[in-house]
Amino acid sequence: MLNATFAYIDEAIQELELVRWPTRQQAVRLSAVVLAFTLVSSAAFGVVDFILSSVVRFLLSLAF
């Protein structure tokens, strides 16, 4: 059991050595893209939430 664990860890390390890691510039650029997408999608969801809550509030005001 212990040998299987060490073999797994050894194979995982070997696989990590084969990974083509991004350069610093690529990592910064991709992080900026992710951040921009997150901000834009958050704003879009906020607008949709505001519109839907206004519609629900209006419909509830008609009921009472």
C-alpha atoms as a PDB file:
ATOM      1  CA  MET A   1       0.000   0.000   0.000  1.00  0.00           C
ATOM      2  CA  LEU A   2       2.789   2.402   0.932  1.00  0.00           C
ATOM      3  CA  ASN A   3       4.744   1.575  -2.232  1.00  0.00           C
ATOM      4  CA  ALA A   4       1.666   2.359  -4.345  1.00  0.00           C
ATOM      5  CA  THR A   5       1.383   5.764  -2.665  1.00  0.00           C
ATOM      6  CA  PHE A   6       5.031   6.594  -3.340  1.00  0.00           C
ATOM      7  CA  ALA A   7       4.690   5.389  -6.939  1.00  0.00           C
ATOM      8  CA  TYR A   8       1.658   7.636  -7.427  1.00  0.00           C
ATOM      9  CA  ILE A   9       3.498  10.665  -6.023  1.00  0.00           C
ATOM     10  CA  ASP A  10       6.547   9.909  -8.179  1.00  0.00           C
ATOM     11  CA  GLU A  11       4.401   9.634 -11.318  1.00  0.00           C
ATOM     12  CA  ALA A  12       2.578  12.874 -10.449  1.00  0.00           C
ATOM     13  CA  ILE A  13       5.906  14.701 -10.119  1.00  0.00           C
ATOM     14  CA  GLN A  14       7.047  13.289 -13.475  1.00  0.00           C
ATOM     15  CA  GLU A  15       3.857  14.542 -15.121  1.00  0.00           C
ATOM     16  CA  LEU A  16       4.298  18.009 -13.602  1.00  0.00           C
ATOM     17  CA  GLU A  17       7.755  18.193 -15.185  1.00  0.00           C
ATOM     18  CA  LEU A  18       6.136  17.691 -18.615  1.00  0.00           C
ATOM     19  CA  VAL A  19       3.689  20.572 -18.168  1.00  0.00           C
ATOM     20  CA  ARG A  20       4.346  23.620 -20.326  1.00  0.00           C
ATOM     21  CA  TRP A  21       3.878  26.395 -17.784  1.00  0.00           C
ATOM     22  CA  PRO A  22       2.815  29.863 -18.999  1.00  0.00           C
ATOM     23  CA  THR A  23       5.269  32.730 -18.959  1.00  0.00           C
ATOM     24  CA  ARG A  24       4.778  35.561 -16.493  1.00  0.00           C
ATOM     25  CA  GLN A  25       3.414  37.782 -19.261  1.00  0.00           C
ATOM     26  CA  GLN A  26       0.909  35.118 -20.339  1.00  0.00           C
ATOM     27  CA  ALA A  27      -0.202  34.533 -16.759  1.00  0.00           C
ATOM     28  CA  VAL A  28      -0.739  38.263 -16.161  1.00  0.00           C
ATOM     29  CA  ARG A  29      -2.646  38.664 -19.438  1.00  0.00           C
ATOM     30  CA  LEU A  30      -4.875  35.652 -18.781  1.00  0.00           C
ATOM     31  CA  SER A  31      -5.530  36.817 -15.221  1.00  0.00           C
ATOM     32  CA  ALA A  32      -6.584  40.217 -16.574  1.00  0.00           C
ATOM     33  CA  VAL A  33      -8.963  38.524 -19.016  1.00  0.00           C
ATOM     34  CA  VAL A  34     -10.512  36.470 -16.211  1.00  0.00           C
ATOM     35  CA  LEU A  35     -10.852  39.545 -13.989  1.00  0.00           C
ATOM     36  CA  ALA A  36     -12.450  41.584 -16.790  1.00  0.00           C
ATOM     37  CA  PHE A  37     -14.886  38.786 -17.632  1.00  0.00           C
ATOM     38  CA  THR A  38     -15.799  38.441 -13.957  1.00  0.00           C
ATOM     39  CA  LEU A  39     -16.471  42.163 -13.602  1.00  0.00           C
ATOM     40  CA  VAL A  40     -18.536  42.362 -16.808  1.00  0.00           C
ATOM     41  CA  SER A  41     -20.602  39.290 -15.983  1.00  0.00           C
ATOM     42  CA  SER A  42     -21.150  40.531 -12.405  1.00  0.00           C
ATOM     43  CA  ALA A  43     -22.415  43.857 -13.729  1.00  0.00           C
ATOM     44  CA  ALA A  44     -24.701  42.096 -16.204  1.00  0.00           C
ATOM     45  CA  PHE A  45     -26.130  39.826 -13.508  1.00  0.00           C
ATOM     46  CA  GLY A  46     -26.599  42.864 -11.257  1.00  0.00           C
ATOM     47  CA  VAL A  47     -28.599  44.672 -13.932  1.00  0.00           C
ATOM     48  CA  VAL A  48     -30.758  41.603 -14.578  1.00  0.00           C
ATOM     49  CA  ASP A  49     -31.298  41.168 -10.833  1.00  0.00           C
ATOM     50  CA  PHE A  50     -32.316  44.808 -10.463  1.00  0.00           C
ATOM     51  CA  ILE A  51     -34.786  44.584 -13.364  1.00  0.00           C
ATOM     52  CA  LEU A  52     -36.332  41.338 -12.151  1.00  0.00           C
ATOM     53  CA  SER A  53     -36.657  42.591  -8.576  1.00  0.00           C
ATOM     54  CA  SER A  54     -38.327  45.769  -9.853  1.00  0.00           C
ATOM     55  CA  VAL A  55     -40.796  43.697 -11.882  1.00  0.00           C
ATOM     56  CA  VAL A  56     -41.587  41.473  -8.896  1.00  0.00           C
ATOM     57  CA  ARG A  57     -41.960  44.502  -6.613  1.00  0.00           C
ATOM     58  CA  PHE A  58     -44.364  46.086  -9.139  1.00  0.00           C
ATOM     59  CA  LEU A  59     -46.422  42.897  -9.455  1.00  0.00           C
ATOM     60  CA  LEU A  60     -46.628  42.539  -5.691  1.00  0.00           C
ATOM     61  CA  SER A  61     -47.781  46.130  -5.355  1.00  0.00           C
ATOM     62  CA  LEU A  62     -50.670  45.344  -7.703  1.00  0.00           C
ATOM     63  CA  ALA A  63     -51.695  42.345  -5.607  1.00  0.00           C
ATOM     64  CA  PHE A  64     -51.913  44.205  -2.300  1.00  0.00           C
END
